[in-house]
Amino acid sequence: MKTSSRPTSSKSKAISLHLGLNLVNPEHYGGWSGELAACEFDANDMATIAKSRGMKSKVLLTKYGTRNKTLAAIRSAAKQLSAGDLFFLTYSGHGGQIPDYSGEEADNMDETWCLFDGQMTDDELKIQWNKFAKGVRISVKLSAAGL
């Protein structure tokens, strides 16, 4: 007979993180600011939907959508969630590609999210997903421009 580490009467938790970047810091992108119009609206709208579904939500808009703040929010969620829980992340902003530094990409390019102070690669995100407990559901919705 299988047993669960969580009581059957326990309600699953859900945490969401919403990133909306209407521009990036040109100092980190060779003078390019990547201005967009509606990414902050996307993030706020997704947070409203998540909250209506009972999720504890965090929103990081433009200048607060940094690498460190994004990683800190993902790591915080990973520490709080256990099997059966949900982490829901939305990203609205530019996506990009940089040369693959680990050698596993067939096209020799890593895909990225353009955060305010630098790009975050798909490999970096994979490392973060692996910090979640087994059985935590992770759902990511992208509204990225420039991929």
N, C-alpha and C. Protein backbone atom coordinates (compact mmCIF):
# COMPACT_ATOMS: atom_id res chain seq x y z
N MET A 1 0.84 -1.18 0.00
CA MET A 1 0.00 0.00 0.00
C MET A 1 0.88 1.25 0.00
N LYS A 2 0.61 2.18 -0.90
CA LYS A 2 1.37 3.42 -0.94
C LYS A 2 0.90 4.37 0.15
N THR A 3 1.87 5.07 0.72
CA THR A 3 1.52 6.10 1.69
C THR A 3 2.06 7.42 1.19
N SER A 4 1.38 8.47 1.57
CA SER A 4 1.77 9.81 1.16
C SER A 4 2.39 10.53 2.35
N SER A 5 3.38 11.38 2.07
CA SER A 5 3.98 12.16 3.14
C SER A 5 3.08 13.32 3.54
N ARG A 6 2.01 13.56 2.79
CA ARG A 6 1.07 14.64 3.09
C ARG A 6 -0.28 14.04 3.46
N PRO A 7 -0.91 14.56 4.47
CA PRO A 7 -2.24 14.06 4.81
C PRO A 7 -3.21 14.27 3.65
N THR A 8 -4.16 13.35 3.48
CA THR A 8 -5.10 13.46 2.37
C THR A 8 -6.02 14.66 2.53
N SER A 9 -6.18 15.17 3.75
CA SER A 9 -7.04 16.33 3.96
C SER A 9 -6.30 17.64 3.68
N SER A 10 -5.02 17.56 3.43
CA SER A 10 -4.22 18.76 3.19
C SER A 10 -4.53 19.32 1.81
N LYS A 11 -4.65 20.64 1.75
CA LYS A 11 -4.90 21.31 0.47
C LYS A 11 -3.57 21.66 -0.17
N SER A 12 -3.47 21.43 -1.47
CA SER A 12 -2.25 21.78 -2.19
C SER A 12 -2.06 23.29 -2.20
N LYS A 13 -0.80 23.70 -2.18
CA LYS A 13 -0.46 25.11 -2.27
C LYS A 13 -0.13 25.46 -3.71
N ALA A 14 -0.31 26.74 -4.03
CA ALA A 14 0.07 27.22 -5.35
C ALA A 14 0.70 28.60 -5.20
N ILE A 15 1.84 28.76 -5.83
CA ILE A 15 2.57 30.03 -5.84
C ILE A 15 2.78 30.43 -7.28
N SER A 16 2.62 31.73 -7.56
CA SER A 16 2.86 32.18 -8.92
C SER A 16 3.82 33.36 -8.93
N LEU A 17 4.55 33.46 -10.03
CA LEU A 17 5.49 34.55 -10.28
C LEU A 17 5.21 35.09 -11.67
N HIS A 18 5.09 36.43 -11.77
CA HIS A 18 4.74 37.05 -13.05
C HIS A 18 5.75 38.13 -13.38
N LEU A 19 6.44 37.96 -14.51
CA LEU A 19 7.46 38.89 -14.97
C LEU A 19 6.93 39.64 -16.18
N GLY A 20 7.03 40.97 -16.14
CA GLY A 20 6.61 41.79 -17.26
C GLY A 20 7.62 42.89 -17.50
N LEU A 21 8.34 42.80 -18.61
CA LEU A 21 9.41 43.77 -18.89
C LEU A 21 9.10 44.58 -20.13
N ASN A 22 8.76 45.85 -19.92
CA ASN A 22 8.48 46.75 -21.04
C ASN A 22 9.75 47.28 -21.68
N LEU A 23 10.88 47.12 -21.01
CA LEU A 23 12.18 47.48 -21.57
C LEU A 23 13.26 46.84 -20.72
N VAL A 24 14.48 46.89 -21.21
CA VAL A 24 15.64 46.38 -20.48
C VAL A 24 16.65 47.51 -20.32
N ASN A 25 17.60 47.32 -19.42
CA ASN A 25 18.63 48.32 -19.17
C ASN A 25 19.63 48.28 -20.33
N PRO A 26 19.71 49.35 -21.11
CA PRO A 26 20.61 49.35 -22.29
C PRO A 26 22.08 49.10 -21.94
N GLU A 27 22.48 49.38 -20.70
CA GLU A 27 23.87 49.14 -20.28
C GLU A 27 24.23 47.67 -20.38
N HIS A 28 23.24 46.79 -20.29
CA HIS A 28 23.49 45.34 -20.31
C HIS A 28 23.19 44.71 -21.67
N TYR A 29 22.77 45.55 -22.63
CA TYR A 29 22.38 45.03 -23.94
C TYR A 29 22.99 45.86 -25.08
N GLY A 30 24.19 46.34 -24.90
CA GLY A 30 24.89 47.06 -25.95
C GLY A 30 24.16 48.29 -26.45
N GLY A 31 23.45 48.99 -25.58
CA GLY A 31 22.73 50.20 -25.94
C GLY A 31 21.28 50.00 -26.36
N TRP A 32 20.85 48.75 -26.52
CA TRP A 32 19.48 48.42 -26.92
C TRP A 32 18.58 48.39 -25.69
N SER A 33 17.41 49.04 -25.76
CA SER A 33 16.49 49.04 -24.62
C SER A 33 15.28 48.13 -24.83
N GLY A 34 15.05 47.69 -26.05
CA GLY A 34 13.99 46.72 -26.33
C GLY A 34 12.60 47.14 -25.88
N GLU A 35 12.24 48.39 -26.09
CA GLU A 35 10.96 48.89 -25.57
C GLU A 35 9.76 48.14 -26.15
N LEU A 36 8.87 47.75 -25.24
CA LEU A 36 7.60 47.11 -25.57
C LEU A 36 6.49 47.85 -24.81
N ALA A 37 5.24 47.64 -25.20
CA ALA A 37 4.16 48.45 -24.63
C ALA A 37 3.33 47.74 -23.55
N ALA A 38 3.10 46.46 -23.64
CA ALA A 38 2.06 45.84 -22.82
C ALA A 38 2.53 44.73 -21.88
N CYS A 39 3.82 44.52 -21.74
CA CYS A 39 4.30 43.39 -20.93
C CYS A 39 3.94 43.53 -19.45
N GLU A 40 4.01 44.74 -18.92
CA GLU A 40 3.62 44.94 -17.52
C GLU A 40 2.13 44.65 -17.34
N PHE A 41 1.31 45.05 -18.32
CA PHE A 41 -0.12 44.74 -18.26
C PHE A 41 -0.32 43.22 -18.25
N ASP A 42 0.42 42.50 -19.11
CA ASP A 42 0.33 41.04 -19.14
C ASP A 42 0.60 40.44 -17.77
N ALA A 43 1.70 40.88 -17.15
CA ALA A 43 2.09 40.33 -15.84
C ALA A 43 1.03 40.61 -14.79
N ASN A 44 0.54 41.84 -14.76
CA ASN A 44 -0.49 42.19 -13.77
C ASN A 44 -1.79 41.42 -14.01
N ASP A 45 -2.17 41.27 -15.28
CA ASP A 45 -3.38 40.51 -15.60
C ASP A 45 -3.23 39.05 -15.18
N MET A 46 -2.07 38.45 -15.44
CA MET A 46 -1.86 37.05 -15.06
C MET A 46 -1.85 36.89 -13.54
N ALA A 47 -1.29 37.87 -12.83
CA ALA A 47 -1.31 37.82 -11.36
C ALA A 47 -2.74 37.90 -10.84
N THR A 48 -3.55 38.72 -11.45
CA THR A 48 -4.96 38.83 -11.04
C THR A 48 -5.67 37.50 -11.23
N ILE A 49 -5.43 36.85 -12.37
CA ILE A 49 -6.03 35.54 -12.63
C ILE A 49 -5.54 34.53 -11.60
N ALA A 50 -4.24 34.51 -11.35
CA ALA A 50 -3.67 33.55 -10.40
C ALA A 50 -4.25 33.77 -8.99
N LYS A 51 -4.34 35.03 -8.58
CA LYS A 51 -4.90 35.34 -7.25
C LYS A 51 -6.35 34.90 -7.16
N SER A 52 -7.10 35.05 -8.26
CA SER A 52 -8.50 34.65 -8.25
C SER A 52 -8.64 33.14 -8.08
N ARG A 53 -7.57 32.40 -8.39
CA ARG A 53 -7.55 30.95 -8.25
C ARG A 53 -6.89 30.52 -6.93
N GLY A 54 -6.66 31.51 -6.05
CA GLY A 54 -6.12 31.20 -4.72
C GLY A 54 -4.62 31.09 -4.63
N MET A 55 -3.92 31.55 -5.64
CA MET A 55 -2.45 31.46 -5.63
C MET A 55 -1.84 32.66 -4.92
N LYS A 56 -0.78 32.39 -4.18
CA LYS A 56 0.04 33.46 -3.62
C LYS A 56 0.92 33.96 -4.77
N SER A 57 0.78 35.25 -5.12
CA SER A 57 1.43 35.76 -6.33
C SER A 57 2.46 36.84 -6.04
N LYS A 58 3.50 36.86 -6.86
CA LYS A 58 4.52 37.90 -6.84
C LYS A 58 4.66 38.42 -8.26
N VAL A 59 4.79 39.75 -8.39
CA VAL A 59 4.92 40.39 -9.69
C VAL A 59 6.24 41.17 -9.71
N LEU A 60 7.03 40.97 -10.77
CA LEU A 60 8.26 41.73 -10.99
C LEU A 60 8.14 42.45 -12.33
N LEU A 61 8.06 43.77 -12.27
CA LEU A 61 7.87 44.58 -13.47
C LEU A 61 9.16 45.31 -13.84
N THR A 62 9.46 45.36 -15.10
CA THR A 62 10.56 46.06 -15.75
C THR A 62 11.80 46.15 -14.87
N LYS A 63 12.09 47.27 -14.21
CA LYS A 63 13.36 47.43 -13.51
C LYS A 63 13.51 46.48 -12.32
N TYR A 64 12.41 45.88 -11.87
CA TYR A 64 12.49 44.89 -10.79
C TYR A 64 12.62 43.47 -11.34
N GLY A 65 12.51 43.33 -12.64
CA GLY A 65 12.65 42.02 -13.28
C GLY A 65 14.11 41.71 -13.56
N THR A 66 14.90 41.70 -12.51
CA THR A 66 16.34 41.44 -12.63
C THR A 66 16.62 39.95 -12.50
N ARG A 67 17.82 39.58 -12.86
CA ARG A 67 18.25 38.19 -12.72
C ARG A 67 18.16 37.76 -11.24
N ASN A 68 18.73 38.56 -10.35
CA ASN A 68 18.75 38.18 -8.93
C ASN A 68 17.36 38.07 -8.34
N LYS A 69 16.48 39.04 -8.63
CA LYS A 69 15.12 38.99 -8.07
C LYS A 69 14.33 37.82 -8.64
N THR A 70 14.53 37.53 -9.92
CA THR A 70 13.85 36.39 -10.53
C THR A 70 14.32 35.08 -9.92
N LEU A 71 15.63 34.91 -9.81
CA LEU A 71 16.16 33.69 -9.20
C LEU A 71 15.73 33.56 -7.75
N ALA A 72 15.74 34.65 -7.01
CA ALA A 72 15.32 34.61 -5.60
C ALA A 72 13.87 34.19 -5.47
N ALA A 73 13.00 34.70 -6.34
CA ALA A 73 11.58 34.34 -6.28
C ALA A 73 11.36 32.87 -6.63
N ILE A 74 12.08 32.37 -7.64
CA ILE A 74 11.95 30.95 -8.00
C ILE A 74 12.46 30.07 -6.86
N ARG A 75 13.62 30.43 -6.30
CA ARG A 75 14.18 29.63 -5.20
C ARG A 75 13.29 29.65 -3.97
N SER A 76 12.67 30.79 -3.70
CA SER A 76 11.76 30.89 -2.56
C SER A 76 10.56 29.95 -2.76
N ALA A 77 10.02 29.94 -3.96
CA ALA A 77 8.90 29.03 -4.25
C ALA A 77 9.34 27.58 -4.10
N ALA A 78 10.52 27.25 -4.59
CA ALA A 78 11.01 25.87 -4.49
C ALA A 78 11.10 25.42 -3.03
N LYS A 79 11.48 26.32 -2.14
CA LYS A 79 11.60 25.98 -0.72
C LYS A 79 10.24 25.80 -0.05
N GLN A 80 9.21 26.46 -0.57
CA GLN A 80 7.90 26.44 0.06
C GLN A 80 6.98 25.33 -0.43
N LEU A 81 7.26 24.79 -1.60
CA LEU A 81 6.34 23.85 -2.22
C LEU A 81 6.80 22.40 -2.07
N SER A 82 5.82 21.51 -2.01
CA SER A 82 6.13 20.08 -1.92
C SER A 82 5.24 19.32 -2.90
N ALA A 83 5.41 18.01 -2.95
CA ALA A 83 4.68 17.17 -3.91
C ALA A 83 3.20 17.51 -3.92
N GLY A 84 2.66 17.66 -5.12
CA GLY A 84 1.26 17.98 -5.29
C GLY A 84 0.97 19.47 -5.39
N ASP A 85 1.93 20.30 -5.02
CA ASP A 85 1.77 21.75 -5.11
C ASP A 85 2.06 22.23 -6.53
N LEU A 86 1.79 23.52 -6.78
CA LEU A 86 1.94 24.09 -8.11
C LEU A 86 2.76 25.38 -8.06
N PHE A 87 3.71 25.50 -9.00
CA PHE A 87 4.40 26.76 -9.25
C PHE A 87 4.02 27.20 -10.66
N PHE A 88 3.44 28.40 -10.76
CA PHE A 88 2.97 28.94 -12.04
C PHE A 88 3.76 30.21 -12.32
N LEU A 89 4.50 30.22 -13.43
CA LEU A 89 5.34 31.35 -13.79
C LEU A 89 4.93 31.87 -15.15
N THR A 90 4.78 33.21 -15.25
CA THR A 90 4.52 33.81 -16.56
C THR A 90 5.61 34.83 -16.85
N TYR A 91 5.98 34.90 -18.12
CA TYR A 91 7.00 35.84 -18.57
C TYR A 91 6.47 36.56 -19.81
N SER A 92 6.53 37.89 -19.77
CA SER A 92 6.17 38.69 -20.92
C SER A 92 7.30 39.68 -21.16
N GLY A 93 7.94 39.55 -22.30
CA GLY A 93 9.08 40.40 -22.63
C GLY A 93 9.79 39.81 -23.84
N HIS A 94 11.00 40.28 -24.08
CA HIS A 94 11.78 39.77 -25.20
C HIS A 94 12.46 38.45 -24.84
N GLY A 95 12.56 37.60 -25.83
CA GLY A 95 13.37 36.41 -25.74
C GLY A 95 14.55 36.57 -26.69
N GLY A 96 15.54 35.76 -26.51
CA GLY A 96 16.70 35.85 -27.38
C GLY A 96 17.44 34.53 -27.48
N GLN A 97 18.58 34.59 -28.11
CA GLN A 97 19.47 33.44 -28.22
C GLN A 97 20.90 33.91 -28.05
N ILE A 98 21.68 33.07 -27.40
CA ILE A 98 23.12 33.31 -27.28
C ILE A 98 23.82 32.00 -27.58
N PRO A 99 25.11 32.05 -27.92
CA PRO A 99 25.84 30.79 -28.19
C PRO A 99 25.73 29.83 -27.00
N ASP A 100 25.49 28.56 -27.32
CA ASP A 100 25.36 27.50 -26.33
C ASP A 100 26.70 27.26 -25.65
N TYR A 101 26.74 27.43 -24.33
CA TYR A 101 28.00 27.25 -23.61
C TYR A 101 28.17 25.84 -23.06
N SER A 102 27.10 25.03 -23.07
CA SER A 102 27.21 23.69 -22.51
C SER A 102 27.29 22.59 -23.56
N GLY A 103 27.02 22.92 -24.82
CA GLY A 103 27.19 21.96 -25.89
C GLY A 103 26.05 21.00 -26.13
N GLU A 104 24.90 21.19 -25.49
CA GLU A 104 23.81 20.22 -25.66
C GLU A 104 22.76 20.65 -26.67
N GLU A 105 22.84 21.86 -27.18
CA GLU A 105 21.83 22.37 -28.12
C GLU A 105 22.17 21.97 -29.56
N ALA A 106 21.20 21.39 -30.25
CA ALA A 106 21.42 20.96 -31.63
C ALA A 106 21.78 22.13 -32.55
N ASP A 107 21.21 23.31 -32.25
CA ASP A 107 21.49 24.48 -33.09
C ASP A 107 22.63 25.34 -32.53
N ASN A 108 23.30 24.84 -31.50
CA ASN A 108 24.41 25.55 -30.86
C ASN A 108 24.02 26.90 -30.26
N MET A 109 22.73 27.06 -29.93
CA MET A 109 22.25 28.30 -29.33
C MET A 109 21.39 28.00 -28.11
N ASP A 110 21.59 28.77 -27.05
CA ASP A 110 20.73 28.72 -25.87
C ASP A 110 19.65 29.78 -26.03
N GLU A 111 18.42 29.42 -25.65
CA GLU A 111 17.33 30.38 -25.66
C GLU A 111 17.37 31.15 -24.34
N THR A 112 16.93 32.41 -24.37
CA THR A 112 17.01 33.26 -23.19
C THR A 112 15.73 34.07 -22.97
N TRP A 113 15.58 34.52 -21.73
CA TRP A 113 14.64 35.58 -21.38
C TRP A 113 15.48 36.82 -21.18
N CYS A 114 15.06 37.93 -21.75
CA CYS A 114 15.77 39.20 -21.58
C CYS A 114 15.25 39.87 -20.31
N LEU A 115 15.98 39.71 -19.23
CA LEU A 115 15.62 40.36 -17.97
C LEU A 115 16.26 41.74 -17.94
N PHE A 116 15.88 42.56 -16.98
CA PHE A 116 16.29 43.96 -16.99
C PHE A 116 17.81 44.12 -17.04
N ASP A 117 18.53 43.29 -16.29
CA ASP A 117 19.99 43.47 -16.18
C ASP A 117 20.79 42.35 -16.82
N GLY A 118 20.18 41.59 -17.71
CA GLY A 118 20.91 40.54 -18.40
C GLY A 118 20.02 39.36 -18.76
N GLN A 119 20.49 38.56 -19.70
CA GLN A 119 19.71 37.41 -20.16
C GLN A 119 19.82 36.23 -19.20
N MET A 120 18.75 35.45 -19.14
CA MET A 120 18.75 34.20 -18.38
C MET A 120 18.52 33.07 -19.37
N THR A 121 19.40 32.08 -19.36
CA THR A 121 19.33 31.00 -20.35
C THR A 121 18.39 29.89 -19.91
N ASP A 122 17.99 29.10 -20.90
CA ASP A 122 17.18 27.92 -20.63
C ASP A 122 17.92 26.95 -19.70
N ASP A 123 19.24 26.89 -19.82
CA ASP A 123 20.02 26.02 -18.94
C ASP A 123 19.95 26.49 -17.49
N GLU A 124 20.01 27.80 -17.28
CA GLU A 124 19.90 28.34 -15.91
C GLU A 124 18.52 28.03 -15.32
N LEU A 125 17.50 28.13 -16.13
CA LEU A 125 16.15 27.82 -15.65
C LEU A 125 16.02 26.34 -15.31
N LYS A 126 16.61 25.48 -16.12
CA LYS A 126 16.56 24.04 -15.83
C LYS A 126 17.18 23.74 -14.46
N ILE A 127 18.26 24.41 -14.15
CA ILE A 127 18.89 24.23 -12.82
C ILE A 127 17.90 24.59 -11.72
N GLN A 128 17.15 25.67 -11.93
CA GLN A 128 16.18 26.10 -10.92
C GLN A 128 15.03 25.10 -10.80
N TRP A 129 14.54 24.57 -11.93
CA TRP A 129 13.44 23.61 -11.86
C TRP A 129 13.85 22.38 -11.06
N ASN A 130 15.12 22.00 -11.16
CA ASN A 130 15.60 20.83 -10.43
C ASN A 130 15.68 21.05 -8.93
N LYS A 131 15.52 22.28 -8.46
CA LYS A 131 15.53 22.57 -7.02
C LYS A 131 14.17 22.33 -6.37
N PHE A 132 13.14 22.13 -7.19
CA PHE A 132 11.81 21.87 -6.65
C PHE A 132 11.71 20.40 -6.22
N ALA A 133 10.92 20.17 -5.19
CA ALA A 133 10.70 18.81 -4.71
C ALA A 133 10.03 17.97 -5.80
N LYS A 134 10.33 16.70 -5.79
CA LYS A 134 9.69 15.78 -6.72
C LYS A 134 8.18 15.86 -6.51
N GLY A 135 7.45 15.94 -7.61
CA GLY A 135 5.99 15.98 -7.53
C GLY A 135 5.40 17.38 -7.53
N VAL A 136 6.24 18.42 -7.47
CA VAL A 136 5.73 19.79 -7.62
C VAL A 136 5.47 20.01 -9.10
N ARG A 137 4.29 20.51 -9.41
CA ARG A 137 3.94 20.81 -10.79
C ARG A 137 4.43 22.21 -11.12
N ILE A 138 5.09 22.35 -12.26
CA ILE A 138 5.60 23.65 -12.70
C ILE A 138 4.97 23.95 -14.05
N SER A 139 4.32 25.11 -14.14
CA SER A 139 3.69 25.54 -15.38
C SER A 139 4.24 26.91 -15.75
N VAL A 140 4.72 27.03 -16.98
CA VAL A 140 5.32 28.28 -17.46
C VAL A 140 4.55 28.74 -18.69
N LYS A 141 4.13 30.01 -18.67
CA LYS A 141 3.44 30.61 -19.82
C LYS A 141 4.31 31.77 -20.31
N LEU A 142 4.64 31.75 -21.59
CA LEU A 142 5.47 32.79 -22.18
C LEU A 142 4.66 33.64 -23.15
N SER A 143 4.87 34.93 -23.05
CA SER A 143 4.36 35.89 -24.05
C SER A 143 5.58 36.69 -24.46
N ALA A 144 6.50 36.02 -25.15
CA ALA A 144 7.78 36.65 -25.45
C ALA A 144 7.81 37.18 -26.87
N ALA A 145 8.39 38.36 -27.00
CA ALA A 145 8.62 38.96 -28.31
C ALA A 145 10.06 38.68 -28.74
N GLY A 146 10.29 38.55 -29.99
CA GLY A 146 11.66 38.44 -30.50
C GLY A 146 12.28 37.08 -30.42
N LEU A 147 11.53 36.03 -30.15
CA LEU A 147 12.12 34.69 -30.13
C LEU A 147 12.37 34.18 -31.52
